[in-house]
Every structure is written in structure tokens, then in C-alpha cells.
Amino acid sequence: MSETVTRRLWVAYGPNGVVGKIQQDAEGYSVHMAGKDERLGVYPSMEIAKNAVHSHLKPGSDRPEFREH
């Protein structure tokens, strides 16, 4: 019997391009900021992961647009 792992990916776009990504897998929602090698963290929900991306942008930045890929 084989096990299928489903992964979903959302890319976060700011006014100047990609600022990060969120990947859903068996662990939860992993957040990676653009230009960083290590993941920021793993969160239990998509909304918390989106907030984590937004909170790591420059103060006063608009919330990025998240597009599923």
C-alpha cells in the first residue's frame, strides 16, 4: 500500500515581487521568507501563517497577496 502526500503552495507577493511562500504538508503550514535559507516556522493554520509572513515585512507594509501555485 502506498501513501500519498499532498502538498500545497502559496506564494506571497508584495508591491515589489515575491516576499515569501507558505507550503502546506503533513506538519502544517511552513513559512519561508524570500532570500532566507531557513524556514521561519510551521504554523497550525493558513491564517496564522499569513500573519507570520506579514509580521516579518518592514513596518507599515501592506499585507501581501497570496496566490496558490
C-alpha atoms as a PDB file:
ATOM      1  CA  MET A   1       0.000   0.000   0.000  1.00  0.00           C
ATOM      2  CA  SER A   2       1.397   3.392  -0.938  1.00  0.00           C
ATOM      3  CA  GLU A   3       0.914   6.627   0.934  1.00  0.00           C
ATOM      4  CA  THR A   4       0.130   9.806  -0.973  1.00  0.00           C
ATOM      5  CA  VAL A   5       1.434  13.084   0.423  1.00  0.00           C
ATOM      6  CA  THR A   6      -0.392  16.180  -0.726  1.00  0.00           C
ATOM      7  CA  ARG A   7       1.455  19.469  -0.667  1.00  0.00           C
ATOM      8  CA  ARG A   8       0.041  22.855  -1.481  1.00  0.00           C
ATOM      9  CA  LEU A   9       2.000  26.036  -2.100  1.00  0.00           C
ATOM     10  CA  TRP A  10       1.074  29.710  -1.866  1.00  0.00           C
ATOM     11  CA  VAL A  11       3.429  32.495  -2.907  1.00  0.00           C
ATOM     12  CA  ALA A  12       3.216  35.862  -1.142  1.00  0.00           C
ATOM     13  CA  TYR A  13       3.535  38.893  -3.412  1.00  0.00           C
ATOM     14  CA  GLY A  14       4.258  42.427  -2.250  1.00  0.00           C
ATOM     15  CA  PRO A  15       4.419  45.560  -4.428  1.00  0.00           C
ATOM     16  CA  ASN A  16       7.995  44.731  -5.495  1.00  0.00           C
ATOM     17  CA  GLY A  17       7.556  40.997  -6.126  1.00  0.00           C
ATOM     18  CA  VAL A  18       7.798  37.787  -4.101  1.00  0.00           C
ATOM     19  CA  VAL A  19       8.255  38.245  -0.344  1.00  0.00           C
ATOM     20  CA  GLY A  20       7.757  34.670   0.840  1.00  0.00           C
ATOM     21  CA  LYS A  21       5.894  31.406   0.494  1.00  0.00           C
ATOM     22  CA  ILE A  22       3.696  29.087   2.528  1.00  0.00           C
ATOM     23  CA  GLN A  23       3.739  25.337   1.961  1.00  0.00           C
ATOM     24  CA  GLN A  24       1.123  23.021   3.458  1.00  0.00           C
ATOM     25  CA  ASP A  25       2.194  19.484   4.223  1.00  0.00           C
ATOM     26  CA  ALA A  26       1.738  16.878   6.959  1.00  0.00           C
ATOM     27  CA  GLU A  27       3.484  19.117   9.534  1.00  0.00           C
ATOM     28  CA  GLY A  28       1.244  22.146   8.992  1.00  0.00           C
ATOM     29  CA  TYR A  29       1.890  25.420   7.168  1.00  0.00           C
ATOM     30  CA  SER A  30       5.616  26.105   6.681  1.00  0.00           C
ATOM     31  CA  VAL A  31       6.626  29.719   6.123  1.00  0.00           C
ATOM     32  CA  HIS A  32       9.729  30.696   4.153  1.00  0.00           C
ATOM     33  CA  MET A  33      10.676  34.326   3.597  1.00  0.00           C
ATOM     34  CA  ALA A  34      12.270  35.283   0.279  1.00  0.00           C
ATOM     35  CA  GLY A  35      16.060  35.411   0.423  1.00  0.00           C
ATOM     36  CA  LYS A  36      16.296  33.306   3.612  1.00  0.00           C
ATOM     37  CA  ASP A  37      17.618  29.744   3.707  1.00  0.00           C
ATOM     38  CA  GLU A  38      15.838  28.598   6.863  1.00  0.00           C
ATOM     39  CA  ARG A  39      12.095  28.381   7.257  1.00  0.00           C
ATOM     40  CA  LEU A  40      10.529  30.893   9.586  1.00  0.00           C
ATOM     41  CA  GLY A  41       8.361  28.298  11.292  1.00  0.00           C
ATOM     42  CA  VAL A  42       5.481  25.854  10.993  1.00  0.00           C
ATOM     43  CA  TYR A  43       2.001  27.039  11.939  1.00  0.00           C
ATOM     44  CA  PRO A  44      -1.273  25.200  12.592  1.00  0.00           C
ATOM     45  CA  SER A  45      -3.446  27.266  10.226  1.00  0.00           C
ATOM     46  CA  MET A  46      -3.174  29.189   6.989  1.00  0.00           C
ATOM     47  CA  GLU A  47      -4.327  32.435   8.618  1.00  0.00           C
ATOM     48  CA  ILE A  48      -1.597  32.255  11.267  1.00  0.00           C
ATOM     49  CA  ALA A  49       0.995  31.508   8.570  1.00  0.00           C
ATOM     50  CA  LYS A  50      -0.186  34.530   6.539  1.00  0.00           C
ATOM     51  CA  ASN A  51       0.093  36.703   9.642  1.00  0.00           C
ATOM     52  CA  ALA A  52       3.644  35.414  10.208  1.00  0.00           C
ATOM     53  CA  VAL A  53       4.659  36.418   6.674  1.00  0.00           C
ATOM     54  CA  HIS A  54       3.101  39.866   7.093  1.00  0.00           C
ATOM     55  CA  SER A  55       4.703  40.410  10.512  1.00  0.00           C
ATOM     56  CA  HIS A  56       8.182  39.803   9.067  1.00  0.00           C
ATOM     57  CA  LEU A  57       7.865  42.535   6.444  1.00  0.00           C
ATOM     58  CA  LYS A  58       9.028  46.099   7.017  1.00  0.00           C
ATOM     59  CA  PRO A  59       6.831  48.059   9.462  1.00  0.00           C
ATOM     60  CA  GLY A  60       3.933  49.715   7.661  1.00  0.00           C
ATOM     61  CA  SER A  61       3.975  47.236   4.753  1.00  0.00           C
ATOM     62  CA  ASP A  62       0.639  46.271   3.240  1.00  0.00           C
ATOM     63  CA  ARG A  63      -0.446  42.670   3.666  1.00  0.00           C
ATOM     64  CA  PRO A  64       0.919  40.658   0.730  1.00  0.00           C
ATOM     65  CA  GLU A  65      -1.296  38.956  -1.820  1.00  0.00           C
ATOM     66  CA  PHE A  66      -1.208  35.155  -1.530  1.00  0.00           C
ATOM     67  CA  ARG A  67      -1.615  33.104  -4.729  1.00  0.00           C
ATOM     68  CA  GLU A  68      -1.845  29.331  -4.781  1.00  0.00           C
ATOM     69  CA  HIS A  69       0.512  27.585  -7.194  1.00  0.00           C
END
